Amino acid sequence: MSLPLLLVILHGDDPRMDLLYFWAAVLLALTPMIIFGGIGVWLARKMWRERREDKVRNAEFGMRN
């Protein structure tokens, strides 16, 4: 008998453990997406803010691109 088959026979099917594994996988997948997405949004807002300030500053001094 192979080891995986033996483990299935001895331990059976546990739906609570399957649910725990599912949520662990979801958390593992979402964590980097949330972190890197948050960094991306933060950088995009910072860039937009700097561009808007540059436009206002250039308009005040009469400079053109």
PDB file of N, CA and C in Angstrom:
ATOM      1  N   MET A   1       0.842  -1.185   0.000  1.00  0.00           N
ATOM      2  CA  MET A   1       0.000   0.000   0.000  1.00  0.00           C
ATOM      3  C   MET A   1       0.887   1.248   0.000  1.00  0.00           C
ATOM      4  N   SER A   2       0.439   2.255  -0.713  1.00  0.00           N
ATOM      5  CA  SER A   2       1.231   3.482  -0.734  1.00  0.00           C
ATOM      6  C   SER A   2       0.890   4.348   0.474  1.00  0.00           C
ATOM      7  N   LEU A   3       1.808   5.203   0.817  1.00  0.00           N
ATOM      8  CA  LEU A   3       1.653   6.041   2.007  1.00  0.00           C
ATOM      9  C   LEU A   3       0.459   6.993   1.914  1.00  0.00           C
ATOM     10  N   PRO A   4       0.228   7.697   0.794  1.00  0.00           N
ATOM     11  CA  PRO A   4      -0.946   8.585   0.743  1.00  0.00           C
ATOM     12  C   PRO A   4      -2.269   7.842   0.933  1.00  0.00           C
ATOM     13  N   LEU A   5      -2.380   6.656   0.343  1.00  0.00           N
ATOM     14  CA  LEU A   5      -3.603   5.879   0.505  1.00  0.00           C
ATOM     15  C   LEU A   5      -3.778   5.460   1.955  1.00  0.00           C
ATOM     16  N   LEU A   6      -2.707   5.082   2.580  1.00  0.00           N
ATOM     17  CA  LEU A   6      -2.757   4.684   3.988  1.00  0.00           C
ATOM     18  C   LEU A   6      -3.192   5.865   4.864  1.00  0.00           C
ATOM     19  N   LEU A   7      -2.682   7.059   4.576  1.00  0.00           N
ATOM     20  CA  LEU A   7      -3.063   8.232   5.355  1.00  0.00           C
ATOM     21  C   LEU A   7      -4.531   8.585   5.176  1.00  0.00           C
ATOM     22  N   VAL A   8      -5.049   8.446   3.967  1.00  0.00           N
ATOM     23  CA  VAL A   8      -6.461   8.722   3.714  1.00  0.00           C
ATOM     24  C   VAL A   8      -7.332   7.740   4.478  1.00  0.00           C
ATOM     25  N   ILE A   9      -6.937   6.495   4.487  1.00  0.00           N
ATOM     26  CA  ILE A   9      -7.728   5.477   5.182  1.00  0.00           C
ATOM     27  C   ILE A   9      -7.718   5.720   6.686  1.00  0.00           C
ATOM     28  N   LEU A  10      -6.574   6.063   7.229  1.00  0.00           N
ATOM     29  CA  LEU A  10      -6.465   6.247   8.675  1.00  0.00           C
ATOM     30  C   LEU A  10      -7.111   7.536   9.160  1.00  0.00           C
ATOM     31  N   HIS A  11      -6.950   8.612   8.417  1.00  0.00           N
ATOM     32  CA  HIS A  11      -7.425   9.907   8.912  1.00  0.00           C
ATOM     33  C   HIS A  11      -8.783  10.303   8.368  1.00  0.00           C
ATOM     34  N   GLY A  12      -9.195   9.778   7.281  1.00  0.00           N
ATOM     35  CA  GLY A  12     -10.502  10.109   6.732  1.00  0.00           C
ATOM     36  C   GLY A  12     -10.525  11.511   6.135  1.00  0.00           C
ATOM     37  N   ASP A  13     -11.723  12.012   5.904  1.00  0.00           N
ATOM     38  CA  ASP A  13     -11.904  13.329   5.305  1.00  0.00           C
ATOM     39  C   ASP A  13     -12.419  14.278   6.373  1.00  0.00           C
ATOM     40  N   ASP A  14     -11.701  15.364   6.591  1.00  0.00           N
ATOM     41  CA  ASP A  14     -12.089  16.334   7.608  1.00  0.00           C
ATOM     42  C   ASP A  14     -12.456  17.659   6.929  1.00  0.00           C
ATOM     43  N   PRO A  15     -13.749  17.983   6.845  1.00  0.00           N
ATOM     44  CA  PRO A  15     -14.159  19.212   6.159  1.00  0.00           C
ATOM     45  C   PRO A  15     -13.645  20.479   6.854  1.00  0.00           C
ATOM     46  N   ARG A  16     -13.515  20.440   8.169  1.00  0.00           N
ATOM     47  CA  ARG A  16     -13.012  21.621   8.873  1.00  0.00           C
ATOM     48  C   ARG A  16     -11.556  21.901   8.512  1.00  0.00           C
ATOM     49  N   MET A  17     -10.772  20.839   8.375  1.00  0.00           N
ATOM     50  CA  MET A  17      -9.378  21.010   8.002  1.00  0.00           C
ATOM     51  C   MET A  17      -9.266  21.488   6.554  1.00  0.00           C
ATOM     52  N   ASP A  18     -10.147  20.996   5.674  1.00  0.00           N
ATOM     53  CA  ASP A  18     -10.174  21.475   4.295  1.00  0.00           C
ATOM     54  C   ASP A  18     -10.510  22.959   4.235  1.00  0.00           C
ATOM     55  N   LEU A  19     -11.456  23.384   5.059  1.00  0.00           N
ATOM     56  CA  LEU A  19     -11.823  24.791   5.115  1.00  0.00           C
ATOM     57  C   LEU A  19     -10.661  25.643   5.632  1.00  0.00           C
ATOM     58  N   LEU A  20      -9.974  25.137   6.625  1.00  0.00           N
ATOM     59  CA  LEU A  20      -8.809  25.840   7.153  1.00  0.00           C
ATOM     60  C   LEU A  20      -7.728  25.981   6.086  1.00  0.00           C
ATOM     61  N   TYR A  21      -7.452  24.925   5.343  1.00  0.00           N
ATOM     62  CA  TYR A  21      -6.472  24.975   4.269  1.00  0.00           C
ATOM     63  C   TYR A  21      -6.905  25.951   3.180  1.00  0.00           C
ATOM     64  N   PHE A  22      -8.206  25.981   2.880  1.00  0.00           N
ATOM     65  CA  PHE A  22      -8.711  26.902   1.873  1.00  0.00           C
ATOM     66  C   PHE A  22      -8.466  28.349   2.280  1.00  0.00           C
ATOM     67  N   TRP A  23      -8.835  28.719   3.511  1.00  0.00           N
ATOM     68  CA  TRP A  23      -8.668  30.096   3.952  1.00  0.00           C
ATOM     69  C   TRP A  23      -7.200  30.463   4.108  1.00  0.00           C
ATOM     70  N   ALA A  24      -6.368  29.511   4.464  1.00  0.00           N
ATOM     71  CA  ALA A  24      -4.932  29.770   4.526  1.00  0.00           C
ATOM     72  C   ALA A  24      -4.393  30.069   3.128  1.00  0.00           C
ATOM     73  N   ALA A  25      -4.864  29.336   2.125  1.00  0.00           N
ATOM     74  CA  ALA A  25      -4.430  29.577   0.752  1.00  0.00           C
ATOM     75  C   ALA A  25      -4.926  30.932   0.256  1.00  0.00           C
ATOM     76  N   VAL A  26      -6.155  31.292   0.583  1.00  0.00           N
ATOM     77  CA  VAL A  26      -6.696  32.595   0.183  1.00  0.00           C
ATOM     78  C   VAL A  26      -5.887  33.707   0.826  1.00  0.00           C
ATOM     79  N   LEU A  27      -5.600  33.585   2.106  1.00  0.00           N
ATOM     80  CA  LEU A  27      -4.816  34.596   2.804  1.00  0.00           C
ATOM     81  C   LEU A  27      -3.408  34.688   2.228  1.00  0.00           C
ATOM     82  N   LEU A  28      -2.831  33.558   1.926  1.00  0.00           N
ATOM     83  CA  LEU A  28      -1.488  33.532   1.351  1.00  0.00           C
ATOM     84  C   LEU A  28      -1.466  34.197  -0.024  1.00  0.00           C
ATOM     85  N   ALA A  29      -2.518  34.052  -0.797  1.00  0.00           N
ATOM     86  CA  ALA A  29      -2.573  34.659  -2.123  1.00  0.00           C
ATOM     87  C   ALA A  29      -2.888  36.159  -2.050  1.00  0.00           C
ATOM     88  N   LEU A  30      -3.743  36.559  -1.128  1.00  0.00           N
ATOM     89  CA  LEU A  30      -4.174  37.961  -1.074  1.00  0.00           C
ATOM     90  C   LEU A  30      -3.174  38.890  -0.397  1.00  0.00           C
ATOM     91  N   THR A  31      -2.379  38.374   0.521  1.00  0.00           N
ATOM     92  CA  THR A  31      -1.462  39.233   1.269  1.00  0.00           C
ATOM     93  C   THR A  31      -0.507  40.005   0.365  1.00  0.00           C
ATOM     94  N   PRO A  32       0.231  39.354  -0.537  1.00  0.00           N
ATOM     95  CA  PRO A  32       1.123  40.153  -1.390  1.00  0.00           C
ATOM     96  C   PRO A  32       0.366  41.080  -2.335  1.00  0.00           C
ATOM     97  N   MET A  33      -0.816  40.655  -2.788  1.00  0.00           N
ATOM     98  CA  MET A  33      -1.591  41.514  -3.675  1.00  0.00           C
ATOM     99  C   MET A  33      -2.007  42.792  -2.953  1.00  0.00           C
ATOM    100  N   ILE A  34      -2.417  42.670  -1.716  1.00  0.00           N
ATOM    101  CA  ILE A  34      -2.826  43.839  -0.939  1.00  0.00           C
ATOM    102  C   ILE A  34      -1.631  44.744  -0.659  1.00  0.00           C
ATOM    103  N   ILE A  35      -0.508  44.150  -0.276  1.00  0.00           N
ATOM    104  CA  ILE A  35       0.678  44.939   0.051  1.00  0.00           C
ATOM    105  C   ILE A  35       1.197  45.675  -1.177  1.00  0.00           C
ATOM    106  N   PHE A  36       1.441  44.942  -2.283  1.00  0.00           N
ATOM    107  CA  PHE A  36       1.990  45.587  -3.469  1.00  0.00           C
ATOM    108  C   PHE A  36       0.967  46.502  -4.136  1.00  0.00           C
ATOM    109  N   GLY A  37      -0.303  46.164  -4.054  1.00  0.00           N
ATOM    110  CA  GLY A  37      -1.342  47.058  -4.565  1.00  0.00           C
ATOM    111  C   GLY A  37      -1.392  48.361  -3.791  1.00  0.00           C
ATOM    112  N   GLY A  38      -1.265  48.272  -2.480  1.00  0.00           N
ATOM    113  CA  GLY A  38      -1.245  49.479  -1.650  1.00  0.00           C
ATOM    114  C   GLY A  38      -0.048  50.356  -1.947  1.00  0.00           C
ATOM    115  N   ILE A  39       1.115  49.730  -2.143  1.00  0.00           N
ATOM    116  CA  ILE A  39       2.311  50.500  -2.504  1.00  0.00           C
ATOM    117  C   ILE A  39       2.116  51.168  -3.864  1.00  0.00           C
ATOM    118  N   GLY A  40       1.525  50.447  -4.808  1.00  0.00           N
ATOM    119  CA  GLY A  40       1.284  51.011  -6.138  1.00  0.00           C
ATOM    120  C   GLY A  40       0.336  52.187  -6.093  1.00  0.00           C
ATOM    121  N   VAL A  41      -0.739  52.085  -5.329  1.00  0.00           N
ATOM    122  CA  VAL A  41      -1.698  53.192  -5.202  1.00  0.00           C
ATOM    123  C   VAL A  41      -1.032  54.386  -4.542  1.00  0.00           C
ATOM    124  N   TRP A  42      -0.241  54.131  -3.517  1.00  0.00           N
ATOM    125  CA  TRP A  42       0.462  55.213  -2.816  1.00  0.00           C
ATOM    126  C   TRP A  42       1.408  55.944  -3.762  1.00  0.00           C
ATOM    127  N   LEU A  43       2.182  55.196  -4.557  1.00  0.00           N
ATOM    128  CA  LEU A  43       3.110  55.817  -5.495  1.00  0.00           C
ATOM    129  C   LEU A  43       2.375  56.576  -6.602  1.00  0.00           C
ATOM    130  N   ALA A  44       1.272  56.010  -7.096  1.00  0.00           N
ATOM    131  CA  ALA A  44       0.505  56.692  -8.143  1.00  0.00           C
ATOM    132  C   ALA A  44      -0.057  58.011  -7.627  1.00  0.00           C
ATOM    133  N   ARG A  45      -0.601  58.015  -6.428  1.00  0.00           N
ATOM    134  CA  ARG A  45      -1.133  59.261  -5.864  1.00  0.00           C
ATOM    135  C   ARG A  45      -0.025  60.292  -5.671  1.00  0.00           C
ATOM    136  N   LYS A  46       1.134  59.810  -5.229  1.00  0.00           N
ATOM    137  CA  LYS A  46       2.266  60.715  -5.031  1.00  0.00           C
ATOM    138  C   LYS A  46       2.701  61.328  -6.361  1.00  0.00           C
ATOM    139  N   MET A  47       2.760  60.522  -7.414  1.00  0.00           N
ATOM    140  CA  MET A  47       3.140  61.036  -8.735  1.00  0.00           C
ATOM    141  C   MET A  47       2.115  62.045  -9.235  1.00  0.00           C
ATOM    142  N   TRP A  48       0.830  61.723  -9.118  1.00  0.00           N
ATOM    143  CA  TRP A  48      -0.211  62.643  -9.573  1.00  0.00           C
ATOM    144  C   TRP A  48      -0.148  63.963  -8.812  1.00  0.00           C
ATOM    145  N   ARG A  49       0.089  63.881  -7.513  1.00  0.00           N
ATOM    146  CA  ARG A  49       0.161  65.086  -6.692  1.00  0.00           C
ATOM    147  C   ARG A  49       1.344  65.956  -7.126  1.00  0.00           C
ATOM    148  N   GLU A  50       2.504  65.342  -7.379  1.00  0.00           N
ATOM    149  CA  GLU A  50       3.671  66.099  -7.806  1.00  0.00           C
ATOM    150  C   GLU A  50       3.455  66.725  -9.179  1.00  0.00           C
ATOM    151  N   ARG A  51       2.830  66.011 -10.092  1.00  0.00           N
ATOM    152  CA  ARG A  51       2.561  66.569 -11.417  1.00  0.00           C
ATOM    153  C   ARG A  51       1.609  67.762 -11.333  1.00  0.00           C
ATOM    154  N   ARG A  52       0.590  67.625 -10.468  1.00  0.00           N
ATOM    155  CA  ARG A  52      -0.365  68.724 -10.313  1.00  0.00           C
ATOM    156  C   ARG A  52       0.330  69.946  -9.703  1.00  0.00           C
ATOM    157  N   GLU A  53       1.195  69.718  -8.718  1.00  0.00           N
ATOM    158  CA  GLU A  53       1.924  70.836  -8.114  1.00  0.00           C
ATOM    159  C   GLU A  53       2.868  71.484  -9.114  1.00  0.00           C
ATOM    160  N   ASP A  54       3.502  70.679  -9.980  1.00  0.00           N
ATOM    161  CA  ASP A  54       4.385  71.231 -11.010  1.00  0.00           C
ATOM    162  C   ASP A  54       3.602  72.094 -11.996  1.00  0.00           C
ATOM    163  N   LYS A  55       2.406  71.645 -12.371  1.00  0.00           N
ATOM    164  CA  LYS A  55       1.589  72.429 -13.294  1.00  0.00           C
ATOM    165  C   LYS A  55       1.192  73.758 -12.677  1.00  0.00           C
ATOM    166  N   VAL A  56       0.820  73.734 -11.405  1.00  0.00           N
ATOM    167  CA  VAL A  56       0.431  74.967 -10.717  1.00  0.00           C
ATOM    168  C   VAL A  56       1.637  75.880 -10.590  1.00  0.00           C
ATOM    169  N   ARG A  57       2.777  75.329 -10.240  1.00  0.00           N
ATOM    170  CA  ARG A  57       3.992  76.125 -10.074  1.00  0.00           C
ATOM    171  C   ARG A  57       4.417  76.745 -11.409  1.00  0.00           C
ATOM    172  N   ASN A  58       4.347  75.970 -12.490  1.00  0.00           N
ATOM    173  CA  ASN A  58       4.714  76.493 -13.804  1.00  0.00           C
ATOM    174  C   ASN A  58       3.725  77.557 -14.281  1.00  0.00           C
ATOM    175  N   ALA A  59       2.466  77.395 -13.953  1.00  0.00           N
ATOM    176  CA  ALA A  59       1.464  78.384 -14.351  1.00  0.00           C
ATOM    177  C   ALA A  59       1.685  79.693 -13.597  1.00  0.00           C
ATOM    178  N   GLU A  60       2.121  79.634 -12.352  1.00  0.00           N
ATOM    179  CA  GLU A  60       2.332  80.838 -11.570  1.00  0.00           C
ATOM    180  C   GLU A  60       3.520  81.646 -12.117  1.00  0.00           C
ATOM    181  N   PHE A  61       4.559  80.959 -12.564  1.00  0.00           N
ATOM    182  CA  PHE A  61       5.755  81.648 -13.032  1.00  0.00           C
ATOM    183  C   PHE A  61       5.752  81.855 -14.540  1.00  0.00           C
ATOM    184  N   GLY A  62       4.716  81.444 -15.222  1.00  0.00           N
ATOM    185  CA  GLY A  62       4.610  81.654 -16.653  1.00  0.00           C
ATOM    186  C   GLY A  62       5.515  80.768 -17.488  1.00  0.00           C
ATOM    187  N   MET A  63       5.938  79.651 -16.983  1.00  0.00           N
ATOM    188  CA  MET A  63       6.799  78.749 -17.739  1.00  0.00           C
ATOM    189  C   MET A  63       5.956  77.812 -18.573  1.00  0.00           C
ATOM    190  N   ARG A  64       6.548  77.361 -19.683  1.00  0.00           N
ATOM    191  CA  ARG A  64       5.860  76.375 -20.522  1.00  0.00           C
ATOM    192  C   ARG A  64       6.791  75.212 -20.758  1.00  0.00           C
ATOM    193  N   ASN A  65       6.182  74.066 -21.028  1.00  0.00           N
ATOM    194  CA  ASN A  65       6.984  72.867 -21.287  1.00  0.00           C
ATOM    195  C   ASN A  65       7.560  72.886 -22.660  1.00  0.00           C
TER     196      ASN A  65
END
